[in-house]
Amino acid sequence: MADTSSILLKVHGRRGVMFSGAVSSLSSVNKTGLFDVLPHHSNFISLIQKKIVYRDAISKQIHEIPIDQAVMRATGNEVNIYLGLTRSN
C-alpha cells in the first residue's frame, strides 16, 4: 500500500492487473502534451497515449511501459490505468 509520500499505481490489462505498487511519481502523454502525477495530485480522468513512465518508490528506478492508448483515473493517492479498452480500425 502506498504511504502519503507515494502513489499506489495499478495498471490493468485485458487479463488482469499487470502492475501494482507504490510509485513516487508517474508521467504520461495526453491530448495536451506530457504531464506528471505526484502524490496528493488533484482527481482527474484522462485518455493517455504513447507511454507510462514511473519511478518506483522503494528502489527509485525509473520504468517505462509503452502503450497505444489507455484511460488513467487518479483519485486520492491512487492511480488506475486501464489498457486495451479501445480497438484501432
PDB file of N, CA and C in Angstrom:
ATOM      1  N   MET A   1       0.845  -1.180   0.000  1.00  0.00           N
ATOM      2  CA  MET A   1       0.000   0.000   0.000  1.00  0.00           C
ATOM      3  C   MET A   1       0.887   1.238   0.000  1.00  0.00           C
ATOM      4  N   ALA A   2       0.424   2.263  -0.663  1.00  0.00           N
ATOM      5  CA  ALA A   2       1.189   3.498  -0.777  1.00  0.00           C
ATOM      6  C   ALA A   2       1.051   4.323   0.494  1.00  0.00           C
ATOM      7  N   ASP A   3       2.153   4.974   0.919  1.00  0.00           N
ATOM      8  CA  ASP A   3       2.067   5.895   2.052  1.00  0.00           C
ATOM      9  C   ASP A   3       1.765   7.296   1.513  1.00  0.00           C
ATOM     10  N   THR A   4       1.795   8.300   2.363  1.00  0.00           N
ATOM     11  CA  THR A   4       1.421   9.645   1.921  1.00  0.00           C
ATOM     12  C   THR A   4       2.469  10.301   1.027  1.00  0.00           C
ATOM     13  N   SER A   5       3.662   9.746   0.927  1.00  0.00           N
ATOM     14  CA  SER A   5       4.683  10.308   0.049  1.00  0.00           C
ATOM     15  C   SER A   5       4.796   9.522  -1.261  1.00  0.00           C
ATOM     16  N   SER A   6       3.847   8.640  -1.498  1.00  0.00           N
ATOM     17  CA  SER A   6       3.854   7.865  -2.734  1.00  0.00           C
ATOM     18  C   SER A   6       2.421   7.683  -3.233  1.00  0.00           C
ATOM     19  N   ILE A   7       2.322   7.144  -4.422  1.00  0.00           N
ATOM     20  CA  ILE A   7       1.044   6.896  -5.082  1.00  0.00           C
ATOM     21  C   ILE A   7       0.923   5.396  -5.284  1.00  0.00           C
ATOM     22  N   LEU A   8      -0.258   4.848  -5.065  1.00  0.00           N
ATOM     23  CA  LEU A   8      -0.497   3.450  -5.400  1.00  0.00           C
ATOM     24  C   LEU A   8      -0.896   3.406  -6.869  1.00  0.00           C
ATOM     25  N   LEU A   9      -0.056   2.817  -7.710  1.00  0.00           N
ATOM     26  CA  LEU A   9      -0.313   2.694  -9.138  1.00  0.00           C
ATOM     27  C   LEU A   9      -0.753   1.281  -9.448  1.00  0.00           C
ATOM     28  N   LYS A  10      -1.861   1.164 -10.182  1.00  0.00           N
ATOM     29  CA  LYS A  10      -2.323  -0.129 -10.685  1.00  0.00           C
ATOM     30  C   LYS A  10      -2.536   0.003 -12.183  1.00  0.00           C
ATOM     31  N   VAL A  11      -1.881  -0.879 -12.939  1.00  0.00           N
ATOM     32  CA  VAL A  11      -2.040  -0.918 -14.386  1.00  0.00           C
ATOM     33  C   VAL A  11      -2.819  -2.183 -14.715  1.00  0.00           C
ATOM     34  N   HIS A  12      -4.010  -1.993 -15.279  1.00  0.00           N
ATOM     35  CA  HIS A  12      -4.925  -3.092 -15.592  1.00  0.00           C
ATOM     36  C   HIS A  12      -4.884  -3.389 -17.084  1.00  0.00           C
ATOM     37  N   GLY A  13      -4.671  -4.648 -17.435  1.00  0.00           N
ATOM     38  CA  GLY A  13      -4.728  -5.095 -18.823  1.00  0.00           C
ATOM     39  C   GLY A  13      -5.971  -5.937 -19.032  1.00  0.00           C
ATOM     40  N   ARG A  14      -6.155  -6.440 -20.205  1.00  0.00           N
ATOM     41  CA  ARG A  14      -7.325  -7.281 -20.508  1.00  0.00           C
ATOM     42  C   ARG A  14      -7.362  -8.561 -19.675  1.00  0.00           C
ATOM     43  N   ARG A  15      -6.197  -9.024 -19.235  1.00  0.00           N
ATOM     44  CA  ARG A  15      -6.125 -10.281 -18.478  1.00  0.00           C
ATOM     45  C   ARG A  15      -5.926 -10.081 -16.985  1.00  0.00           C
ATOM     46  N   GLY A  16      -6.047  -8.842 -16.510  1.00  0.00           N
ATOM     47  CA  GLY A  16      -5.906  -8.598 -15.079  1.00  0.00           C
ATOM     48  C   GLY A  16      -4.885  -7.511 -14.786  1.00  0.00           C
ATOM     49  N   VAL A  17      -4.479  -7.451 -13.528  1.00  0.00           N
ATOM     50  CA  VAL A  17      -3.547  -6.415 -13.090  1.00  0.00           C
ATOM     51  C   VAL A  17      -2.135  -6.766 -13.555  1.00  0.00           C
ATOM     52  N   MET A  18      -1.524  -5.856 -14.317  1.00  0.00           N
ATOM     53  CA  MET A  18      -0.172  -6.068 -14.849  1.00  0.00           C
ATOM     54  C   MET A  18       0.891  -5.528 -13.901  1.00  0.00           C
ATOM     55  N   PHE A  19       0.537  -4.493 -13.146  1.00  0.00           N
ATOM     56  CA  PHE A  19       1.460  -3.904 -12.178  1.00  0.00           C
ATOM     57  C   PHE A  19       0.646  -3.288 -11.062  1.00  0.00           C
ATOM     58  N   SER A  20       1.108  -3.455  -9.842  1.00  0.00           N
ATOM     59  CA  SER A  20       0.512  -2.804  -8.682  1.00  0.00           C
ATOM     60  C   SER A  20       1.638  -2.528  -7.699  1.00  0.00           C
ATOM     61  N   GLY A  21       1.808  -1.245  -7.354  1.00  0.00           N
ATOM     62  CA  GLY A  21       2.868  -0.926  -6.414  1.00  0.00           C
ATOM     63  C   GLY A  21       2.938   0.555  -6.115  1.00  0.00           C
ATOM     64  N   ALA A  22       3.776   0.899  -5.148  1.00  0.00           N
ATOM     65  CA  ALA A  22       3.968   2.286  -4.726  1.00  0.00           C
ATOM     66  C   ALA A  22       4.977   2.960  -5.654  1.00  0.00           C
ATOM     67  N   VAL A  23       4.601   4.129  -6.165  1.00  0.00           N
ATOM     68  CA  VAL A  23       5.485   4.914  -7.016  1.00  0.00           C
ATOM     69  C   VAL A  23       5.586   6.324  -6.452  1.00  0.00           C
ATOM     70  N   SER A  24       6.722   6.964  -6.673  1.00  0.00           N
ATOM     71  CA  SER A  24       6.876   8.334  -6.175  1.00  0.00           C
ATOM     72  C   SER A  24       6.401   9.367  -7.184  1.00  0.00           C
ATOM     73  N   SER A  25       6.327   8.972  -8.454  1.00  0.00           N
ATOM     74  CA  SER A  25       5.795   9.854  -9.493  1.00  0.00           C
ATOM     75  C   SER A  25       5.487   9.021 -10.726  1.00  0.00           C
ATOM     76  N   LEU A  26       4.638   9.575 -11.602  1.00  0.00           N
ATOM     77  CA  LEU A  26       4.419   8.953 -12.886  1.00  0.00           C
ATOM     78  C   LEU A  26       4.141  10.031 -13.910  1.00  0.00           C
ATOM     79  N   SER A  27       4.451   9.720 -15.150  1.00  0.00           N
ATOM     80  CA  SER A  27       4.280  10.654 -16.260  1.00  0.00           C
ATOM     81  C   SER A  27       3.649   9.922 -17.422  1.00  0.00           C
ATOM     82  N   SER A  28       2.929  10.677 -18.246  1.00  0.00           N
ATOM     83  CA  SER A  28       2.371  10.141 -19.477  1.00  0.00           C
ATOM     84  C   SER A  28       2.087  11.295 -20.417  1.00  0.00           C
ATOM     85  N   VAL A  29       1.415  10.982 -21.509  1.00  0.00           N
ATOM     86  CA  VAL A  29       1.095  11.967 -22.534  1.00  0.00           C
ATOM     87  C   VAL A  29      -0.400  11.906 -22.792  1.00  0.00           C
ATOM     88  N   ASN A  30      -1.042  13.085 -22.873  1.00  0.00           N
ATOM     89  CA  ASN A  30      -2.436  13.135 -23.295  1.00  0.00           C
ATOM     90  C   ASN A  30      -2.560  14.127 -24.450  1.00  0.00           C
ATOM     91  N   LYS A  31      -3.763  14.490 -24.808  1.00  0.00           N
ATOM     92  CA  LYS A  31      -4.015  15.365 -25.952  1.00  0.00           C
ATOM     93  C   LYS A  31      -3.286  16.711 -25.854  1.00  0.00           C
ATOM     94  N   THR A  32      -3.083  17.199 -24.634  1.00  0.00           N
ATOM     95  CA  THR A  32      -2.428  18.497 -24.467  1.00  0.00           C
ATOM     96  C   THR A  32      -0.918  18.388 -24.266  1.00  0.00           C
ATOM     97  N   GLY A  33      -0.383  17.188 -24.145  1.00  0.00           N
ATOM     98  CA  GLY A  33       1.061  17.019 -24.014  1.00  0.00           C
ATOM     99  C   GLY A  33       1.470  16.175 -22.816  1.00  0.00           C
ATOM    100  N   LEU A  34       2.741  16.237 -22.483  1.00  0.00           N
ATOM    101  CA  LEU A  34       3.332  15.484 -21.373  1.00  0.00           C
ATOM    102  C   LEU A  34       2.830  16.047 -20.040  1.00  0.00           C
ATOM    103  N   PHE A  35       2.518  15.170 -19.102  1.00  0.00           N
ATOM    104  CA  PHE A  35       2.111  15.615 -17.770  1.00  0.00           C
ATOM    105  C   PHE A  35       2.645  14.654 -16.713  1.00  0.00           C
ATOM    106  N   ASP A  36       2.716  15.138 -15.482  1.00  0.00           N
ATOM    107  CA  ASP A  36       3.204  14.362 -14.340  1.00  0.00           C
ATOM    108  C   ASP A  36       2.110  14.249 -13.294  1.00  0.00           C
ATOM    109  N   VAL A  37       2.149  13.154 -12.557  1.00  0.00           N
ATOM    110  CA  VAL A  37       1.266  12.959 -11.406  1.00  0.00           C
ATOM    111  C   VAL A  37       2.170  12.709 -10.203  1.00  0.00           C
ATOM    112  N   LEU A  38       2.008  13.515  -9.176  1.00  0.00           N
ATOM    113  CA  LEU A  38       2.769  13.402  -7.933  1.00  0.00           C
ATOM    114  C   LEU A  38       1.814  13.076  -6.797  1.00  0.00           C
ATOM    115  N   PRO A  39       2.319  12.648  -5.640  1.00  0.00           N
ATOM    116  CA  PRO A  39       1.435  12.399  -4.500  1.00  0.00           C
ATOM    117  C   PRO A  39       0.544  13.610  -4.218  1.00  0.00           C
ATOM    118  N   HIS A  40      -0.682  13.338  -3.828  1.00  0.00           N
ATOM    119  CA  HIS A  40      -1.693  14.354  -3.493  1.00  0.00           C
ATOM    120  C   HIS A  40      -2.146  15.154  -4.704  1.00  0.00           C
ATOM    121  N   HIS A  41      -2.042  14.574  -5.881  1.00  0.00           N
ATOM    122  CA  HIS A  41      -2.481  15.230  -7.117  1.00  0.00           C
ATOM    123  C   HIS A  41      -3.999  15.378  -7.101  1.00  0.00           C
ATOM    124  N   SER A  42      -4.508  16.357  -7.817  1.00  0.00           N
ATOM    125  CA  SER A  42      -5.951  16.537  -7.973  1.00  0.00           C
ATOM    126  C   SER A  42      -6.555  15.327  -8.675  1.00  0.00           C
ATOM    127  N   ASN A  43      -7.806  15.031  -8.368  1.00  0.00           N
ATOM    128  CA  ASN A  43      -8.514  13.936  -9.022  1.00  0.00           C
ATOM    129  C   ASN A  43      -8.770  14.285 -10.489  1.00  0.00           C
ATOM    130  N   PHE A  44      -8.600  13.306 -11.364  1.00  0.00           N
ATOM    131  CA  PHE A  44      -8.912  13.535 -12.776  1.00  0.00           C
ATOM    132  C   PHE A  44      -8.981  12.213 -13.528  1.00  0.00           C
ATOM    133  N   ILE A  45      -9.560  12.286 -14.721  1.00  0.00           N
ATOM    134  CA  ILE A  45      -9.594  11.160 -15.659  1.00  0.00           C
ATOM    135  C   ILE A  45      -9.090  11.689 -16.990  1.00  0.00           C
ATOM    136  N   SER A  46      -8.233  10.898 -17.677  1.00  0.00           N
ATOM    137  CA  SER A  46      -7.690  11.338 -18.956  1.00  0.00           C
ATOM    138  C   SER A  46      -7.440  10.141 -19.860  1.00  0.00           C
ATOM    139  N   LEU A  47      -7.601  10.362 -21.154  1.00  0.00           N
ATOM    140  CA  LEU A  47      -7.164   9.397 -22.151  1.00  0.00           C
ATOM    141  C   LEU A  47      -5.678   9.657 -22.368  1.00  0.00           C
ATOM    142  N   ILE A  48      -4.846   8.631 -22.188  1.00  0.00           N
ATOM    143  CA  ILE A  48      -3.397   8.799 -22.323  1.00  0.00           C
ATOM    144  C   ILE A  48      -2.887   7.977 -23.499  1.00  0.00           C
ATOM    145  N   GLN A  49      -1.674   8.308 -23.943  1.00  0.00           N
ATOM    146  CA  GLN A  49      -1.099   7.638 -25.106  1.00  0.00           C
ATOM    147  C   GLN A  49       0.423   7.568 -24.998  1.00  0.00           C
ATOM    148  N   LYS A  50       1.003   6.792 -25.855  1.00  0.00           N
ATOM    149  CA  LYS A  50       2.457   6.640 -26.045  1.00  0.00           C
ATOM    150  C   LYS A  50       3.157   5.845 -24.951  1.00  0.00           C
ATOM    151  N   LYS A  51       3.108   6.314 -23.686  1.00  0.00           N
ATOM    152  CA  LYS A  51       3.884   5.629 -22.649  1.00  0.00           C
ATOM    153  C   LYS A  51       3.408   6.015 -21.256  1.00  0.00           C
ATOM    154  N   ILE A  52       3.765   5.152 -20.316  1.00  0.00           N
ATOM    155  CA  ILE A  52       3.608   5.415 -18.879  1.00  0.00           C
ATOM    156  C   ILE A  52       5.015   5.304 -18.307  1.00  0.00           C
ATOM    157  N   VAL A  53       5.477   6.332 -17.636  1.00  0.00           N
ATOM    158  CA  VAL A  53       6.798   6.319 -17.005  1.00  0.00           C
ATOM    159  C   VAL A  53       6.589   6.524 -15.517  1.00  0.00           C
ATOM    160  N   TYR A  54       7.158   5.631 -14.691  1.00  0.00           N
ATOM    161  CA  TYR A  54       7.004   5.781 -13.243  1.00  0.00           C
ATOM    162  C   TYR A  54       8.317   5.505 -12.524  1.00  0.00           C
ATOM    163  N   ARG A  55       8.447   6.132 -11.355  1.00  0.00           N
ATOM    164  CA  ARG A  55       9.617   5.930 -10.501  1.00  0.00           C
ATOM    165  C   ARG A  55       9.175   5.097  -9.304  1.00  0.00           C
ATOM    166  N   ASP A  56       9.767   3.930  -9.156  1.00  0.00           N
ATOM    167  CA  ASP A  56       9.445   3.050  -8.036  1.00  0.00           C
ATOM    168  C   ASP A  56       9.777   3.746  -6.719  1.00  0.00           C
ATOM    169  N   ALA A  57       8.839   3.746  -5.786  1.00  0.00           N
ATOM    170  CA  ALA A  57       9.022   4.464  -4.518  1.00  0.00           C
ATOM    171  C   ALA A  57      10.114   3.853  -3.642  1.00  0.00           C
ATOM    172  N   ILE A  58      10.381   2.573  -3.797  1.00  0.00           N
ATOM    173  CA  ILE A  58      11.375   1.910  -2.950  1.00  0.00           C
ATOM    174  C   ILE A  58      12.757   1.887  -3.612  1.00  0.00           C
ATOM    175  N   SER A  59      12.830   1.348  -4.837  1.00  0.00           N
ATOM    176  CA  SER A  59      14.132   1.215  -5.500  1.00  0.00           C
ATOM    177  C   SER A  59      14.584   2.507  -6.179  1.00  0.00           C
ATOM    178  N   LYS A  60      13.657   3.432  -6.399  1.00  0.00           N
ATOM    179  CA  LYS A  60      13.917   4.704  -7.098  1.00  0.00           C
ATOM    180  C   LYS A  60      14.241   4.512  -8.580  1.00  0.00           C
ATOM    181  N   GLN A  61      14.109   3.283  -9.086  1.00  0.00           N
ATOM    182  CA  GLN A  61      14.351   3.027 -10.500  1.00  0.00           C
ATOM    183  C   GLN A  61      13.193   3.569 -11.340  1.00  0.00           C
ATOM    184  N   ILE A  62      13.516   4.028 -12.545  1.00  0.00           N
ATOM    185  CA  ILE A  62      12.508   4.523 -13.473  1.00  0.00           C
ATOM    186  C   ILE A  62      12.159   3.403 -14.446  1.00  0.00           C
ATOM    187  N   HIS A  63      10.857   3.201 -14.645  1.00  0.00           N
ATOM    188  CA  HIS A  63      10.353   2.169 -15.548  1.00  0.00           C
ATOM    189  C   HIS A  63       9.462   2.821 -16.588  1.00  0.00           C
ATOM    190  N   GLU A  64       9.451   2.264 -17.795  1.00  0.00           N
ATOM    191  CA  GLU A  64       8.615   2.779 -18.866  1.00  0.00           C
ATOM    192  C   GLU A  64       7.799   1.651 -19.471  1.00  0.00           C
ATOM    193  N   ILE A  65       6.501   1.900 -19.634  1.00  0.00           N
ATOM    194  CA  ILE A  65       5.603   0.947 -20.265  1.00  0.00           C
ATOM    195  C   ILE A  65       5.089   1.606 -21.545  1.00  0.00           C
ATOM    196  N   PRO A  66       5.447   1.081 -22.722  1.00  0.00           N
ATOM    197  CA  PRO A  66       4.913   1.650 -23.960  1.00  0.00           C
ATOM    198  C   PRO A  66       3.439   1.257 -24.120  1.00  0.00           C
ATOM    199  N   ILE A  67       2.616   2.193 -24.593  1.00  0.00           N
ATOM    200  CA  ILE A  67       1.193   1.926 -24.797  1.00  0.00           C
ATOM    201  C   ILE A  67       0.739   2.603 -26.085  1.00  0.00           C
ATOM    202  N   ASP A  68      -0.375   2.147 -26.631  1.00  0.00           N
ATOM    203  CA  ASP A  68      -1.029   2.867 -27.723  1.00  0.00           C
ATOM    204  C   ASP A  68      -1.897   3.950 -27.100  1.00  0.00           C
ATOM    205  N   GLN A  69      -2.872   3.514 -26.313  1.00  0.00           N
ATOM    206  CA  GLN A  69      -3.675   4.448 -25.539  1.00  0.00           C
ATOM    207  C   GLN A  69      -4.313   3.708 -24.378  1.00  0.00           C
ATOM    208  N   ALA A  70      -4.730   4.481 -23.380  1.00  0.00           N
ATOM    209  CA  ALA A  70      -5.322   3.905 -22.173  1.00  0.00           C
ATOM    210  C   ALA A  70      -6.118   5.006 -21.469  1.00  0.00           C
ATOM    211  N   VAL A  71      -6.855   4.600 -20.461  1.00  0.00           N
ATOM    212  CA  VAL A  71      -7.581   5.550 -19.626  1.00  0.00           C
ATOM    213  C   VAL A  71      -6.899   5.594 -18.264  1.00  0.00           C
ATOM    214  N   MET A  72      -6.593   6.806 -17.791  1.00  0.00           N
ATOM    215  CA  MET A  72      -5.990   6.992 -16.475  1.00  0.00           C
ATOM    216  C   MET A  72      -7.018   7.655 -15.559  1.00  0.00           C
ATOM    217  N   ARG A  73      -7.164   7.098 -14.376  1.00  0.00           N
ATOM    218  CA  ARG A  73      -8.062   7.663 -13.371  1.00  0.00           C
ATOM    219  C   ARG A  73      -7.274   7.881 -12.085  1.00  0.00           C
ATOM    220  N   ALA A  74      -7.155   9.135 -11.667  1.00  0.00           N
ATOM    221  CA  ALA A  74      -6.439   9.478 -10.437  1.00  0.00           C
ATOM    222  C   ALA A  74      -7.460   9.949  -9.407  1.00  0.00           C
ATOM    223  N   THR A  75      -7.519   9.248  -8.286  1.00  0.00           N
ATOM    224  CA  THR A  75      -8.400   9.635  -7.180  1.00  0.00           C
ATOM    225  C   THR A  75      -7.649   9.424  -5.883  1.00  0.00           C
ATOM    226  N   GLY A  76      -7.688  10.443  -5.018  1.00  0.00           N
ATOM    227  CA  GLY A  76      -6.924  10.344  -3.780  1.00  0.00           C
ATOM    228  C   GLY A  76      -5.461  10.165  -4.116  1.00  0.00           C
ATOM    229  N   ASN A  77      -4.825   9.216  -3.489  1.00  0.00           N
ATOM    230  CA  ASN A  77      -3.419   8.922  -3.758  1.00  0.00           C
ATOM    231  C   ASN A  77      -3.289   7.601  -4.512  1.00  0.00           C
ATOM    232  N   GLU A  78      -4.268   7.351  -5.383  1.00  0.00           N
ATOM    233  CA  GLU A  78      -4.281   6.112  -6.159  1.00  0.00           C
ATOM    234  C   GLU A  78      -4.526   6.439  -7.626  1.00  0.00           C
ATOM    235  N   VAL A  79      -3.757   5.789  -8.498  1.00  0.00           N
ATOM    236  CA  VAL A  79      -3.930   5.949  -9.940  1.00  0.00           C
ATOM    237  C   VAL A  79      -4.177   4.575 -10.539  1.00  0.00           C
ATOM    238  N   ASN A  80      -5.272   4.469 -11.283  1.00  0.00           N
ATOM    239  CA  ASN A  80      -5.589   3.252 -12.020  1.00  0.00           C
ATOM    240  C   ASN A  80      -5.497   3.559 -13.500  1.00  0.00           C
ATOM    241  N   ILE A  81      -4.798   2.687 -14.235  1.00  0.00           N
ATOM    242  CA  ILE A  81      -4.664   2.842 -15.682  1.00  0.00           C
ATOM    243  C   ILE A  81      -5.236   1.589 -16.322  1.00  0.00           C
ATOM    244  N   TYR A  82      -6.128   1.816 -17.273  1.00  0.00           N
ATOM    245  CA  TYR A  82      -6.840   0.713 -17.948  1.00  0.00           C
ATOM    246  C   TYR A  82      -6.400   0.648 -19.404  1.00  0.00           C
ATOM    247  N   LEU A  83      -5.705  -0.446 -19.745  1.00  0.00           N
ATOM    248  CA  LEU A  83      -5.213  -0.664 -21.101  1.00  0.00           C
ATOM    249  C   LEU A  83      -6.199  -1.528 -21.887  1.00  0.00           C
ATOM    250  N   GLY A  84      -6.171  -1.408 -23.193  1.00  0.00           N
ATOM    251  CA  GLY A  84      -6.941  -2.309 -24.042  1.00  0.00           C
ATOM    252  C   GLY A  84      -8.426  -2.075 -24.049  1.00  0.00           C
ATOM    253  N   LEU A  85      -8.874  -0.871 -23.773  1.00  0.00           N
ATOM    254  CA  LEU A  85     -10.308  -0.587 -23.764  1.00  0.00           C
ATOM    255  C   LEU A  85     -10.840  -0.219 -25.130  1.00  0.00           C
ATOM    256  N   THR A  86      -9.959   0.207 -26.026  1.00  0.00           N
ATOM    257  CA  THR A  86     -10.383   0.596 -27.372  1.00  0.00           C
ATOM    258  C   THR A  86      -9.623  -0.218 -28.384  1.00  0.00           C
ATOM    259  N   ARG A  87     -10.207  -0.309 -29.574  1.00  0.00           N
ATOM    260  CA  ARG A  87      -9.552  -1.032 -30.664  1.00  0.00           C
ATOM    261  C   ARG A  87      -9.362  -0.105 -31.839  1.00  0.00           C
ATOM    262  N   SER A  88      -8.236  -0.239 -32.501  1.00  0.00           N
ATOM    263  CA  SER A  88      -7.981   0.564 -33.716  1.00  0.00           C
ATOM    264  C   SER A  88      -8.719  -0.069 -34.892  1.00  0.00           C
ATOM    265  N   ASN A  89      -9.166   0.761 -35.809  1.00  0.00           N
ATOM    266  CA  ASN A  89      -9.858   0.254 -37.008  1.00  0.00           C
ATOM    267  C   ASN A  89      -8.867  -0.061 -38.101  1.00  0.00           C
TER     268      ASN A  89
END
